[in-house]
Amino acid sequence: MNTGVRATASSVFGLAVLGLLLFLPAGTLNYWQAWAFIATTLVATILPTVYIGRTNPAALERRMHAGPKAETRVVQKVVMVSAFTALIAMLVFSAYDHRMNWSSVPGWVSVFGDALVAIGLGIAMLVIVQNAYAAATVTVESGQTLVSSGVYKYVRHPMYVGNFIMMIGIPLSLGSYWGLLFVIPGQAVIVFRILDEEKLLTEQLPGYREYTQHVRYRLLPYVW
């Protein structure tokens, strides 16, 4: 089974799990916001995955090697467990919010949330296209070279920019304002991951120290 097919199968399995995380706490299948969110995630994930699998299977292979077990640094194992916990909590709580009707979110806000999710996933996919070494783990591979063009001209960690945008979009797309509370711990985990990752890149990736002097911002231009 080639990389593209395996990645697509993995995405389909992930979407099935996503459905359980949403519809069980919501207590109903009559939850159009969840269906729209799943459809958005499906389109924004599978189509680019198939494209990358056909054009650069090595980059896709790196992205598939992910999760706490794939990390080689203990601190990053803890970070990934925390990140997954925050994401799952956000999904489940947002769906439960829908069940309890704690938030009154207009339909257009949920659609806007779907747009943010699509934009966030799109940025992440664009990063993989522009940087074949954009792995899902914090590591520097043999022969890896510095990428400073494309989206890397604006921030040092564009992949996490996509994650941040998506994190804001998820609760809104699911019709929950209270779910936005989980953006705070989720973003704190990303910041911690970035700081540790930059230590490794500065030590092991040639030219990265000079790159940080040229591109000053890690995540948000003119902020940080």
N, C-alpha and C. Protein backbone atom coordinates (compact mmCIF):
# COMPACT_ATOMS: atom_id res chain seq x y z
N MET A 1 0.85 -1.19 0.00
CA MET A 1 0.00 0.00 0.00
C MET A 1 0.89 1.24 0.00
N ASN A 2 0.71 2.15 -0.99
CA ASN A 2 1.58 3.32 -1.06
C ASN A 2 1.21 4.36 0.00
N THR A 3 2.09 5.34 0.11
CA THR A 3 1.93 6.33 1.17
C THR A 3 0.63 7.10 1.07
N GLY A 4 0.27 7.51 -0.16
CA GLY A 4 -0.96 8.28 -0.34
C GLY A 4 -2.19 7.51 0.09
N VAL A 5 -2.25 6.24 -0.26
CA VAL A 5 -3.40 5.41 0.11
C VAL A 5 -3.46 5.22 1.62
N ARG A 6 -2.29 4.95 2.22
CA ARG A 6 -2.26 4.78 3.67
C ARG A 6 -2.66 6.06 4.39
N ALA A 7 -2.21 7.19 3.88
CA ALA A 7 -2.57 8.47 4.50
C ALA A 7 -4.07 8.73 4.38
N THR A 8 -4.63 8.40 3.21
CA THR A 8 -6.07 8.60 3.01
C THR A 8 -6.87 7.70 3.94
N ALA A 9 -6.44 6.43 4.06
CA ALA A 9 -7.12 5.50 4.95
C ALA A 9 -7.03 5.98 6.40
N SER A 10 -5.86 6.51 6.77
CA SER A 10 -5.69 7.04 8.12
C SER A 10 -6.60 8.23 8.37
N SER A 11 -6.76 9.08 7.35
CA SER A 11 -7.64 10.25 7.47
C SER A 11 -9.09 9.83 7.64
N VAL A 12 -9.50 8.82 6.90
CA VAL A 12 -10.89 8.32 6.99
C VAL A 12 -11.13 7.74 8.38
N PHE A 13 -10.17 6.98 8.89
CA PHE A 13 -10.30 6.43 10.25
C PHE A 13 -10.37 7.56 11.27
N GLY A 14 -9.53 8.57 11.09
CA GLY A 14 -9.55 9.71 12.00
C GLY A 14 -10.88 10.43 11.99
N LEU A 15 -11.49 10.55 10.83
CA LEU A 15 -12.79 11.20 10.73
C LEU A 15 -13.87 10.38 11.42
N ALA A 16 -13.74 9.06 11.37
CA ALA A 16 -14.70 8.20 12.07
C ALA A 16 -14.60 8.41 13.58
N VAL A 17 -13.38 8.48 14.08
CA VAL A 17 -13.17 8.76 15.50
C VAL A 17 -13.71 10.14 15.85
N LEU A 18 -13.47 11.09 14.95
CA LEU A 18 -13.97 12.45 15.15
C LEU A 18 -15.49 12.45 15.30
N GLY A 19 -16.16 11.67 14.48
CA GLY A 19 -17.61 11.57 14.56
C GLY A 19 -18.07 11.09 15.93
N LEU A 20 -17.38 10.10 16.47
CA LEU A 20 -17.73 9.59 17.80
C LEU A 20 -17.51 10.66 18.87
N LEU A 21 -16.42 11.40 18.74
CA LEU A 21 -16.11 12.44 19.73
C LEU A 21 -17.13 13.58 19.71
N LEU A 22 -17.81 13.74 18.59
CA LEU A 22 -18.78 14.84 18.47
C LEU A 22 -20.21 14.40 18.75
N PHE A 23 -20.64 13.32 18.12
CA PHE A 23 -22.06 12.95 18.20
C PHE A 23 -22.44 12.27 19.51
N LEU A 24 -21.49 11.58 20.14
CA LEU A 24 -21.81 10.97 21.43
C LEU A 24 -22.06 12.02 22.50
N PRO A 25 -21.17 12.99 22.71
CA PRO A 25 -21.47 14.01 23.73
C PRO A 25 -22.62 14.93 23.32
N ALA A 26 -22.84 15.10 22.02
CA ALA A 26 -23.98 15.92 21.58
C ALA A 26 -25.29 15.20 21.82
N GLY A 27 -25.25 13.87 21.86
CA GLY A 27 -26.45 13.08 22.14
C GLY A 27 -27.42 13.02 20.99
N THR A 28 -26.98 13.40 19.79
CA THR A 28 -27.86 13.40 18.64
C THR A 28 -27.04 13.44 17.35
N LEU A 29 -27.65 12.92 16.29
CA LEU A 29 -27.06 13.06 14.96
C LEU A 29 -27.59 14.30 14.26
N ASN A 30 -28.62 14.91 14.85
CA ASN A 30 -29.21 16.13 14.29
C ASN A 30 -28.40 17.34 14.75
N TYR A 31 -27.21 17.43 14.20
CA TYR A 31 -26.22 18.42 14.64
C TYR A 31 -25.49 18.88 13.38
N TRP A 32 -26.12 19.82 12.67
CA TRP A 32 -25.60 20.19 11.36
C TRP A 32 -24.21 20.83 11.45
N GLN A 33 -23.97 21.50 12.57
CA GLN A 33 -22.65 22.12 12.71
C GLN A 33 -21.54 21.07 12.71
N ALA A 34 -21.78 19.93 13.37
CA ALA A 34 -20.79 18.86 13.41
C ALA A 34 -20.61 18.25 12.02
N TRP A 35 -21.72 18.03 11.31
CA TRP A 35 -21.63 17.48 9.96
C TRP A 35 -20.84 18.43 9.04
N ALA A 36 -21.10 19.72 9.18
CA ALA A 36 -20.39 20.70 8.35
C ALA A 36 -18.90 20.73 8.69
N PHE A 37 -18.60 20.62 9.98
CA PHE A 37 -17.20 20.61 10.41
C PHE A 37 -16.48 19.37 9.87
N ILE A 38 -17.13 18.22 9.95
CA ILE A 38 -16.52 16.99 9.44
C ILE A 38 -16.31 17.08 7.93
N ALA A 39 -17.29 17.61 7.22
CA ALA A 39 -17.16 17.76 5.77
C ALA A 39 -16.01 18.71 5.42
N THR A 40 -15.91 19.80 6.16
CA THR A 40 -14.82 20.76 5.93
C THR A 40 -13.47 20.11 6.16
N THR A 41 -13.36 19.38 7.27
CA THR A 41 -12.11 18.69 7.59
C THR A 41 -11.77 17.65 6.53
N LEU A 42 -12.79 16.94 6.07
CA LEU A 42 -12.59 15.90 5.05
C LEU A 42 -12.02 16.50 3.77
N VAL A 43 -12.66 17.54 3.27
CA VAL A 43 -12.22 18.16 2.01
C VAL A 43 -10.84 18.79 2.16
N ALA A 44 -10.64 19.50 3.28
CA ALA A 44 -9.39 20.25 3.48
C ALA A 44 -8.22 19.34 3.84
N THR A 45 -8.49 18.09 4.17
CA THR A 45 -7.42 17.16 4.55
C THR A 45 -7.13 16.14 3.46
N ILE A 46 -8.15 15.45 3.00
CA ILE A 46 -7.92 14.32 2.09
C ILE A 46 -7.42 14.76 0.73
N LEU A 47 -8.02 15.78 0.14
CA LEU A 47 -7.60 16.21 -1.20
C LEU A 47 -6.13 16.66 -1.22
N PRO A 48 -5.70 17.55 -0.30
CA PRO A 48 -4.28 17.92 -0.28
C PRO A 48 -3.37 16.73 0.04
N THR A 49 -3.85 15.81 0.89
CA THR A 49 -3.06 14.64 1.23
C THR A 49 -2.78 13.78 0.00
N VAL A 50 -3.81 13.59 -0.82
CA VAL A 50 -3.63 12.81 -2.05
C VAL A 50 -2.65 13.52 -2.98
N TYR A 51 -2.76 14.84 -3.07
CA TYR A 51 -1.85 15.62 -3.93
C TYR A 51 -0.41 15.48 -3.45
N ILE A 52 -0.18 15.66 -2.16
CA ILE A 52 1.17 15.57 -1.62
C ILE A 52 1.70 14.15 -1.77
N GLY A 53 0.81 13.16 -1.58
CA GLY A 53 1.22 11.78 -1.73
C GLY A 53 1.70 11.47 -3.14
N ARG A 54 1.12 12.13 -4.13
CA ARG A 54 1.52 11.91 -5.51
C ARG A 54 2.76 12.70 -5.89
N THR A 55 2.92 13.89 -5.33
CA THR A 55 4.03 14.77 -5.73
C THR A 55 5.25 14.66 -4.83
N ASN A 56 5.03 14.36 -3.55
CA ASN A 56 6.15 14.28 -2.61
C ASN A 56 5.83 13.28 -1.51
N PRO A 57 5.86 11.99 -1.82
CA PRO A 57 5.51 10.98 -0.82
C PRO A 57 6.41 10.98 0.40
N ALA A 58 7.68 11.39 0.24
CA ALA A 58 8.60 11.43 1.38
C ALA A 58 8.13 12.44 2.43
N ALA A 59 7.64 13.60 1.96
CA ALA A 59 7.13 14.62 2.88
C ALA A 59 5.90 14.11 3.62
N LEU A 60 5.03 13.42 2.89
CA LEU A 60 3.82 12.87 3.50
C LEU A 60 4.18 11.80 4.53
N GLU A 61 5.18 11.00 4.20
CA GLU A 61 5.63 9.95 5.12
C GLU A 61 6.09 10.57 6.44
N ARG A 62 6.79 11.69 6.36
CA ARG A 62 7.25 12.36 7.58
C ARG A 62 6.07 12.83 8.43
N ARG A 63 5.04 13.34 7.76
CA ARG A 63 3.88 13.84 8.50
C ARG A 63 3.10 12.71 9.15
N MET A 64 3.14 11.52 8.55
CA MET A 64 2.40 10.39 9.11
C MET A 64 3.10 9.80 10.32
N HIS A 65 4.39 10.07 10.45
CA HIS A 65 5.15 9.60 11.62
C HIS A 65 4.95 10.62 12.73
N ALA A 66 3.87 10.47 13.47
CA ALA A 66 3.47 11.51 14.41
C ALA A 66 2.99 10.91 15.72
N GLY A 67 2.76 11.79 16.68
CA GLY A 67 2.23 11.38 17.97
C GLY A 67 3.29 11.30 19.04
N PRO A 68 2.89 11.13 20.30
CA PRO A 68 3.83 11.10 21.42
C PRO A 68 4.91 10.02 21.27
N LYS A 69 4.54 8.84 20.78
CA LYS A 69 5.51 7.75 20.65
C LYS A 69 6.58 8.06 19.61
N ALA A 70 6.23 8.86 18.61
CA ALA A 70 7.17 9.19 17.55
C ALA A 70 8.21 10.21 17.98
N GLU A 71 7.92 10.97 19.03
CA GLU A 71 8.86 11.99 19.49
C GLU A 71 10.06 11.34 20.19
N THR A 72 11.22 11.89 19.96
CA THR A 72 12.44 11.36 20.58
C THR A 72 12.81 12.11 21.85
N ARG A 73 12.28 13.30 22.03
CA ARG A 73 12.59 14.11 23.21
C ARG A 73 11.45 13.97 24.22
N VAL A 74 11.81 13.70 25.47
CA VAL A 74 10.80 13.46 26.51
C VAL A 74 9.87 14.65 26.64
N VAL A 75 10.44 15.86 26.60
CA VAL A 75 9.62 17.05 26.76
C VAL A 75 8.57 17.14 25.65
N GLN A 76 8.93 16.71 24.44
CA GLN A 76 7.98 16.76 23.34
C GLN A 76 6.93 15.66 23.44
N LYS A 77 7.26 14.55 24.06
CA LYS A 77 6.25 13.52 24.32
C LYS A 77 5.16 14.08 25.23
N VAL A 78 5.61 14.80 26.27
CA VAL A 78 4.65 15.43 27.20
C VAL A 78 3.83 16.49 26.47
N VAL A 79 4.49 17.27 25.63
CA VAL A 79 3.80 18.31 24.86
C VAL A 79 2.72 17.71 23.97
N MET A 80 3.04 16.63 23.27
CA MET A 80 2.08 16.03 22.35
C MET A 80 0.89 15.42 23.09
N VAL A 81 1.14 14.78 24.22
CA VAL A 81 0.04 14.26 25.03
C VAL A 81 -0.87 15.40 25.47
N SER A 82 -0.27 16.50 25.90
CA SER A 82 -1.04 17.67 26.34
C SER A 82 -1.84 18.27 25.18
N ALA A 83 -1.22 18.32 23.99
CA ALA A 83 -1.88 18.89 22.82
C ALA A 83 -3.09 18.05 22.42
N PHE A 84 -2.92 16.74 22.37
CA PHE A 84 -4.03 15.86 22.03
C PHE A 84 -5.15 15.94 23.06
N THR A 85 -4.76 16.04 24.33
CA THR A 85 -5.76 16.14 25.40
C THR A 85 -6.57 17.42 25.26
N ALA A 86 -5.89 18.54 24.98
CA ALA A 86 -6.58 19.82 24.82
C ALA A 86 -7.52 19.79 23.62
N LEU A 87 -7.08 19.17 22.52
CA LEU A 87 -7.91 19.10 21.32
C LEU A 87 -9.14 18.25 21.55
N ILE A 88 -8.95 17.08 22.15
CA ILE A 88 -10.10 16.19 22.42
C ILE A 88 -11.07 16.86 23.37
N ALA A 89 -10.54 17.52 24.41
CA ALA A 89 -11.40 18.21 25.37
C ALA A 89 -12.20 19.31 24.67
N MET A 90 -11.55 20.03 23.76
CA MET A 90 -12.23 21.09 23.01
C MET A 90 -13.38 20.53 22.19
N LEU A 91 -13.14 19.44 21.49
CA LEU A 91 -14.17 18.82 20.64
C LEU A 91 -15.34 18.32 21.47
N VAL A 92 -15.03 17.55 22.52
CA VAL A 92 -16.08 16.95 23.34
C VAL A 92 -16.89 18.02 24.07
N PHE A 93 -16.21 19.00 24.64
CA PHE A 93 -16.91 20.05 25.39
C PHE A 93 -17.78 20.90 24.47
N SER A 94 -17.27 21.20 23.28
CA SER A 94 -18.06 22.00 22.33
C SER A 94 -19.33 21.26 21.92
N ALA A 95 -19.20 19.94 21.70
CA ALA A 95 -20.38 19.14 21.34
C ALA A 95 -21.35 19.06 22.52
N TYR A 96 -20.82 18.95 23.72
CA TYR A 96 -21.67 18.89 24.90
C TYR A 96 -22.36 20.23 25.13
N ASP A 97 -21.67 21.31 24.81
CA ASP A 97 -22.27 22.65 24.86
C ASP A 97 -23.50 22.69 23.97
N HIS A 98 -23.39 22.11 22.77
CA HIS A 98 -24.54 22.05 21.86
C HIS A 98 -25.69 21.29 22.50
N ARG A 99 -25.38 20.21 23.17
CA ARG A 99 -26.41 19.39 23.82
C ARG A 99 -27.12 20.16 24.93
N MET A 100 -26.33 20.90 25.71
CA MET A 100 -26.89 21.63 26.85
C MET A 100 -27.42 23.01 26.47
N ASN A 101 -27.10 23.43 25.23
CA ASN A 101 -27.57 24.73 24.74
C ASN A 101 -27.07 25.89 25.59
N TRP A 102 -25.79 25.81 25.99
CA TRP A 102 -25.20 26.88 26.78
C TRP A 102 -24.87 28.09 25.91
N SER A 103 -24.50 27.87 24.67
CA SER A 103 -24.14 28.96 23.77
C SER A 103 -25.25 29.17 22.75
N SER A 104 -25.38 30.41 22.33
CA SER A 104 -26.33 30.72 21.27
C SER A 104 -25.53 31.32 20.11
N VAL A 105 -25.05 30.44 19.25
CA VAL A 105 -24.15 30.84 18.18
C VAL A 105 -24.92 30.91 16.86
N PRO A 106 -24.96 32.07 16.22
CA PRO A 106 -25.66 32.18 14.92
C PRO A 106 -25.02 31.26 13.88
N GLY A 107 -25.83 30.86 12.92
CA GLY A 107 -25.35 29.96 11.89
C GLY A 107 -24.17 30.52 11.12
N TRP A 108 -24.18 31.82 10.86
CA TRP A 108 -23.09 32.41 10.08
C TRP A 108 -21.77 32.36 10.84
N VAL A 109 -21.83 32.38 12.17
CA VAL A 109 -20.61 32.27 12.97
C VAL A 109 -20.02 30.87 12.83
N SER A 110 -20.89 29.85 12.82
CA SER A 110 -20.41 28.49 12.64
C SER A 110 -19.80 28.31 11.25
N VAL A 111 -20.40 28.91 10.25
CA VAL A 111 -19.84 28.84 8.89
C VAL A 111 -18.48 29.54 8.85
N PHE A 112 -18.38 30.67 9.55
CA PHE A 112 -17.11 31.38 9.65
C PHE A 112 -16.06 30.50 10.33
N GLY A 113 -16.50 29.76 11.37
CA GLY A 113 -15.60 28.83 12.04
C GLY A 113 -15.11 27.75 11.09
N ASP A 114 -15.99 27.24 10.24
CA ASP A 114 -15.58 26.25 9.23
C ASP A 114 -14.54 26.84 8.29
N ALA A 115 -14.73 28.11 7.92
CA ALA A 115 -13.76 28.77 7.05
C ALA A 115 -12.40 28.86 7.73
N LEU A 116 -12.38 29.17 9.03
CA LEU A 116 -11.12 29.23 9.77
C LEU A 116 -10.44 27.86 9.81
N VAL A 117 -11.24 26.82 10.01
CA VAL A 117 -10.70 25.46 10.03
C VAL A 117 -10.06 25.14 8.68
N ALA A 118 -10.76 25.48 7.60
CA ALA A 118 -10.23 25.22 6.25
C ALA A 118 -8.95 26.02 6.00
N ILE A 119 -8.93 27.27 6.44
CA ILE A 119 -7.74 28.10 6.26
C ILE A 119 -6.57 27.53 7.06
N GLY A 120 -6.83 27.15 8.30
CA GLY A 120 -5.77 26.58 9.13
C GLY A 120 -5.19 25.31 8.54
N LEU A 121 -6.05 24.40 8.09
CA LEU A 121 -5.58 23.17 7.47
C LEU A 121 -4.87 23.47 6.16
N GLY A 122 -5.38 24.46 5.43
CA GLY A 122 -4.75 24.83 4.16
C GLY A 122 -3.34 25.36 4.36
N ILE A 123 -3.14 26.17 5.39
CA ILE A 123 -1.80 26.68 5.69
C ILE A 123 -0.86 25.53 6.03
N ALA A 124 -1.36 24.59 6.84
CA ALA A 124 -0.53 23.44 7.22
C ALA A 124 -0.11 22.64 5.99
N MET A 125 -1.03 22.42 5.05
CA MET A 125 -0.71 21.69 3.84
C MET A 125 0.26 22.47 2.96
N LEU A 126 0.09 23.79 2.90
CA LEU A 126 0.99 24.63 2.11
C LEU A 126 2.41 24.55 2.66
N VAL A 127 2.54 24.50 3.98
CA VAL A 127 3.85 24.38 4.60
C VAL A 127 4.54 23.09 4.16
N ILE A 128 3.78 22.00 4.11
CA ILE A 128 4.36 20.72 3.70
C ILE A 128 4.82 20.78 2.25
N VAL A 129 4.05 21.46 1.41
CA VAL A 129 4.43 21.60 0.01
C VAL A 129 5.72 22.40 -0.12
N GLN A 130 5.86 23.46 0.68
CA GLN A 130 7.02 24.34 0.57
C GLN A 130 8.24 23.84 1.35
N ASN A 131 8.00 22.96 2.31
CA ASN A 131 9.10 22.45 3.12
C ASN A 131 8.93 20.94 3.30
N ALA A 132 9.64 20.18 2.51
CA ALA A 132 9.52 18.72 2.54
C ALA A 132 9.97 18.13 3.87
N TYR A 133 10.73 18.91 4.66
CA TYR A 133 11.21 18.43 5.95
C TYR A 133 10.31 18.86 7.11
N ALA A 134 9.11 19.34 6.80
CA ALA A 134 8.17 19.75 7.84
C ALA A 134 7.54 18.51 8.48
N ALA A 135 8.31 17.87 9.33
CA ALA A 135 7.86 16.64 9.98
C ALA A 135 6.87 16.95 11.10
N ALA A 136 6.17 15.90 11.54
CA ALA A 136 5.23 16.05 12.64
C ALA A 136 5.91 15.89 13.98
N THR A 137 7.22 15.59 13.96
CA THR A 137 7.99 15.46 15.18
C THR A 137 9.08 16.51 15.20
N VAL A 138 9.58 16.80 16.39
CA VAL A 138 10.66 17.77 16.53
C VAL A 138 11.97 17.03 16.32
N THR A 139 12.57 17.20 15.16
CA THR A 139 13.80 16.50 14.81
C THR A 139 14.50 17.22 13.67
N VAL A 140 15.78 16.97 13.52
CA VAL A 140 16.54 17.45 12.37
C VAL A 140 17.12 16.22 11.69
N GLU A 141 16.77 16.01 10.43
CA GLU A 141 17.21 14.82 9.71
C GLU A 141 18.55 15.05 9.03
N SER A 142 19.20 13.95 8.73
CA SER A 142 20.46 14.02 8.00
C SER A 142 20.23 14.62 6.62
N GLY A 143 21.01 15.63 6.28
CA GLY A 143 20.88 16.28 4.99
C GLY A 143 19.80 17.35 4.93
N GLN A 144 19.12 17.60 6.04
CA GLN A 144 18.06 18.61 6.05
C GLN A 144 18.66 20.00 5.85
N THR A 145 18.01 20.79 5.02
CA THR A 145 18.46 22.15 4.75
C THR A 145 17.42 23.15 5.24
N LEU A 146 17.87 24.35 5.50
CA LEU A 146 17.00 25.41 5.99
C LEU A 146 16.10 25.92 4.87
N VAL A 147 14.83 26.10 5.18
CA VAL A 147 13.87 26.70 4.25
C VAL A 147 13.50 28.07 4.79
N SER A 148 13.74 29.10 3.99
CA SER A 148 13.45 30.47 4.44
C SER A 148 12.60 31.23 3.44
N SER A 149 12.09 30.54 2.43
CA SER A 149 11.26 31.19 1.42
C SER A 149 9.79 30.86 1.66
N GLY A 150 8.92 31.36 0.78
CA GLY A 150 7.49 31.10 0.91
C GLY A 150 6.94 31.67 2.20
N VAL A 151 6.12 30.89 2.89
CA VAL A 151 5.52 31.38 4.13
C VAL A 151 6.56 31.55 5.23
N TYR A 152 7.72 30.92 5.08
CA TYR A 152 8.77 31.05 6.08
C TYR A 152 9.42 32.43 6.05
N LYS A 153 9.09 33.26 5.06
CA LYS A 153 9.61 34.62 5.03
C LYS A 153 8.93 35.51 6.06
N TYR A 154 7.77 35.08 6.55
CA TYR A 154 6.96 35.94 7.41
C TYR A 154 7.02 35.52 8.88
N VAL A 155 6.99 34.23 9.13
CA VAL A 155 7.10 33.71 10.50
C VAL A 155 7.95 32.45 10.47
N ARG A 156 8.55 32.13 11.60
CA ARG A 156 9.45 30.99 11.65
C ARG A 156 8.72 29.66 11.77
N HIS A 157 7.47 29.70 12.21
CA HIS A 157 6.72 28.46 12.42
C HIS A 157 5.31 28.55 11.81
N PRO A 158 5.23 28.62 10.50
CA PRO A 158 3.92 28.79 9.85
C PRO A 158 2.96 27.62 10.08
N MET A 159 3.51 26.42 10.30
CA MET A 159 2.64 25.28 10.57
C MET A 159 1.79 25.52 11.80
N TYR A 160 2.40 26.12 12.83
CA TYR A 160 1.68 26.38 14.07
C TYR A 160 0.71 27.56 13.92
N VAL A 161 0.97 28.43 12.96
CA VAL A 161 0.00 29.49 12.66
C VAL A 161 -1.30 28.84 12.18
N GLY A 162 -1.15 27.85 11.28
CA GLY A 162 -2.33 27.13 10.81
C GLY A 162 -3.05 26.43 11.95
N ASN A 163 -2.29 25.83 12.86
CA ASN A 163 -2.90 25.16 14.01
C ASN A 163 -3.67 26.14 14.89
N PHE A 164 -3.09 27.31 15.09
CA PHE A 164 -3.73 28.32 15.93
C PHE A 164 -5.05 28.80 15.33
N ILE A 165 -5.03 29.07 14.02
CA ILE A 165 -6.26 29.49 13.34
C ILE A 165 -7.32 28.40 13.43
N MET A 166 -6.90 27.16 13.23
CA MET A 166 -7.84 26.05 13.28
C MET A 166 -8.43 25.89 14.68
N MET A 167 -7.61 26.08 15.71
CA MET A 167 -8.09 25.95 17.09
C MET A 167 -9.19 26.96 17.40
N ILE A 168 -9.07 28.15 16.86
CA ILE A 168 -10.12 29.16 17.07
C ILE A 168 -11.37 28.78 16.30
N GLY A 169 -11.18 28.22 15.12
CA GLY A 169 -12.32 27.88 14.28
C GLY A 169 -13.13 26.70 14.77
N ILE A 170 -12.51 25.73 15.42
CA ILE A 170 -13.21 24.51 15.80
C ILE A 170 -14.42 24.75 16.70
N PRO A 171 -14.27 25.44 17.84
CA PRO A 171 -15.46 25.64 18.69
C PRO A 171 -16.55 26.45 18.00
N LEU A 172 -16.14 27.47 17.24
CA LEU A 172 -17.14 28.28 16.54
C LEU A 172 -17.89 27.44 15.52
N SER A 173 -17.17 26.61 14.78
CA SER A 173 -17.82 25.78 13.77
C SER A 173 -18.80 24.80 14.41
N LEU A 174 -18.51 24.39 15.64
CA LEU A 174 -19.38 23.45 16.35
C LEU A 174 -20.47 24.15 17.15
N GLY A 175 -20.55 25.47 17.03
CA GLY A 175 -21.60 26.21 17.69
C GLY A 175 -21.39 26.43 19.17
N SER A 176 -20.13 26.61 19.57
CA SER A 176 -19.84 26.78 20.99
C SER A 176 -18.90 27.96 21.22
N TYR A 177 -19.32 28.87 22.08
CA TYR A 177 -18.43 29.94 22.53
C TYR A 177 -17.55 29.46 23.69
N TRP A 178 -18.14 28.63 24.57
CA TRP A 178 -17.40 28.16 25.73
C TRP A 178 -16.21 27.29 25.33
N GLY A 179 -16.31 26.62 24.19
CA GLY A 179 -15.20 25.80 23.73
C GLY A 179 -13.94 26.60 23.45
N LEU A 180 -14.10 27.91 23.25
CA LEU A 180 -12.94 28.76 23.00
C LEU A 180 -11.99 28.82 24.21
N LEU A 181 -12.50 28.46 25.38
CA LEU A 181 -11.64 28.45 26.57
C LEU A 181 -10.46 27.50 26.40
N PHE A 182 -10.64 26.46 25.61
CA PHE A 182 -9.58 25.47 25.44
C PHE A 182 -8.50 25.96 24.48
N VAL A 183 -8.74 27.09 23.82
CA VAL A 183 -7.70 27.67 22.97
C VAL A 183 -6.51 28.11 23.83
N ILE A 184 -6.79 28.57 25.04
CA ILE A 184 -5.73 29.08 25.91
C ILE A 184 -4.72 27.98 26.28
N PRO A 185 -5.16 26.85 26.88
CA PRO A 185 -4.16 25.81 27.17
C PRO A 185 -3.58 25.20 25.90
N GLY A 186 -4.39 25.10 24.84
CA GLY A 186 -3.88 24.56 23.59
C GLY A 186 -2.78 25.41 23.01
N GLN A 187 -2.95 26.73 23.06
CA GLN A 187 -1.93 27.63 22.54
C GLN A 187 -0.71 27.66 23.44
N ALA A 188 -0.91 27.52 24.73
CA ALA A 188 0.22 27.47 25.66
C ALA A 188 1.11 26.27 25.35
N VAL A 189 0.49 25.16 24.98
CA VAL A 189 1.25 23.96 24.61
C VAL A 189 2.06 24.22 23.34
N ILE A 190 1.45 24.90 22.36
CA ILE A 190 2.15 25.22 21.11
C ILE A 190 3.35 26.12 21.38
N VAL A 191 3.17 27.13 22.23
CA VAL A 191 4.27 28.05 22.57
C VAL A 191 5.42 27.27 23.21
N PHE A 192 5.09 26.37 24.13
CA PHE A 192 6.12 25.58 24.79
C PHE A 192 6.84 24.69 23.78
N ARG A 193 6.09 24.13 22.84
CA ARG A 193 6.69 23.27 21.81
C ARG A 193 7.64 24.08 20.92
N ILE A 194 7.21 25.27 20.55
CA ILE A 194 8.04 26.13 19.70
C ILE A 194 9.37 26.46 20.39
N LEU A 195 9.30 26.85 21.66
CA LEU A 195 10.51 27.24 22.37
C LEU A 195 11.51 26.09 22.45
N ASP A 196 11.01 24.89 22.73
CA ASP A 196 11.90 23.73 22.80
C ASP A 196 12.41 23.35 21.41
N GLU A 197 11.54 23.46 20.41
CA GLU A 197 11.95 23.13 19.04
C GLU A 197 13.04 24.07 18.56
N GLU A 198 12.95 25.34 18.90
CA GLU A 198 13.95 26.29 18.45
C GLU A 198 15.32 26.04 19.08
N LYS A 199 15.33 25.49 20.28
CA LYS A 199 16.61 25.12 20.89
C LYS A 199 17.30 24.06 20.03
N LEU A 200 16.53 23.06 19.62
CA LEU A 200 17.09 21.99 18.80
C LEU A 200 17.53 22.50 17.43
N LEU A 201 16.69 23.30 16.79
CA LEU A 201 17.02 23.81 15.46
C LEU A 201 18.25 24.71 15.50
N THR A 202 18.38 25.52 16.52
CA THR A 202 19.54 26.40 16.63
C THR A 202 20.82 25.59 16.79
N GLU A 203 20.73 24.47 17.50
CA GLU A 203 21.91 23.64 17.75
C GLU A 203 22.27 22.77 16.55
N GLN A 204 21.26 22.28 15.81
CA GLN A 204 21.53 21.22 14.84
C GLN A 204 21.27 21.58 13.38
N LEU A 205 20.50 22.62 13.11
CA LEU A 205 20.20 22.96 11.72
C LEU A 205 21.08 24.12 11.25
N PRO A 206 21.97 23.88 10.31
CA PRO A 206 22.88 24.94 9.84
C PRO A 206 22.11 26.14 9.29
N GLY A 207 22.49 27.33 9.75
CA GLY A 207 21.89 28.56 9.27
C GLY A 207 20.66 29.02 10.02
N TYR A 208 20.17 28.19 10.98
CA TYR A 208 18.93 28.57 11.66
C TYR A 208 19.12 29.78 12.57
N ARG A 209 20.26 29.85 13.23
CA ARG A 209 20.51 30.99 14.12
C ARG A 209 20.46 32.31 13.33
N GLU A 210 21.08 32.31 12.15
CA GLU A 210 21.07 33.51 11.30
C GLU A 210 19.66 33.79 10.78
N TYR A 211 18.93 32.74 10.51
CA TYR A 211 17.54 32.89 10.04
C TYR A 211 16.68 33.59 11.09
N THR A 212 16.89 33.25 12.36
CA THR A 212 16.09 33.88 13.41
C THR A 212 16.38 35.38 13.54
N GLN A 213 17.57 35.80 13.10
CA GLN A 213 17.88 37.22 13.12
C GLN A 213 17.21 37.95 11.97
N HIS A 214 16.95 37.24 10.90
CA HIS A 214 16.30 37.83 9.72
C HIS A 214 14.78 37.82 9.85
N VAL A 215 14.24 36.69 10.28
CA VAL A 215 12.79 36.58 10.50
C VAL A 215 12.58 36.60 12.01
N ARG A 216 12.10 37.72 12.51
CA ARG A 216 12.09 37.96 13.95
C ARG A 216 10.94 37.29 14.68
N TYR A 217 9.86 37.00 13.97
CA TYR A 217 8.66 36.55 14.67
C TYR A 217 8.43 35.05 14.51
N ARG A 218 8.10 34.42 15.60
CA ARG A 218 7.89 32.98 15.60
C ARG A 218 6.51 32.58 15.09
N LEU A 219 5.49 33.26 15.58
CA LEU A 219 4.11 32.83 15.33
C LEU A 219 3.22 33.91 14.76
N LEU A 220 3.25 35.09 15.36
CA LEU A 220 2.40 36.19 14.92
C LEU A 220 3.27 37.40 14.59
N PRO A 221 3.23 37.89 13.34
CA PRO A 221 4.03 39.05 12.96
C PRO A 221 3.75 40.25 13.88
N TYR A 222 4.82 40.92 14.31
CA TYR A 222 4.78 42.10 15.15
C TYR A 222 4.25 41.83 16.58
N VAL A 223 4.05 40.55 16.89
CA VAL A 223 3.59 40.20 18.25
C VAL A 223 4.60 39.29 18.94
N TRP A 224 4.89 38.11 18.33
CA TRP A 224 5.80 37.14 18.95
C TRP A 224 6.36 36.18 17.92
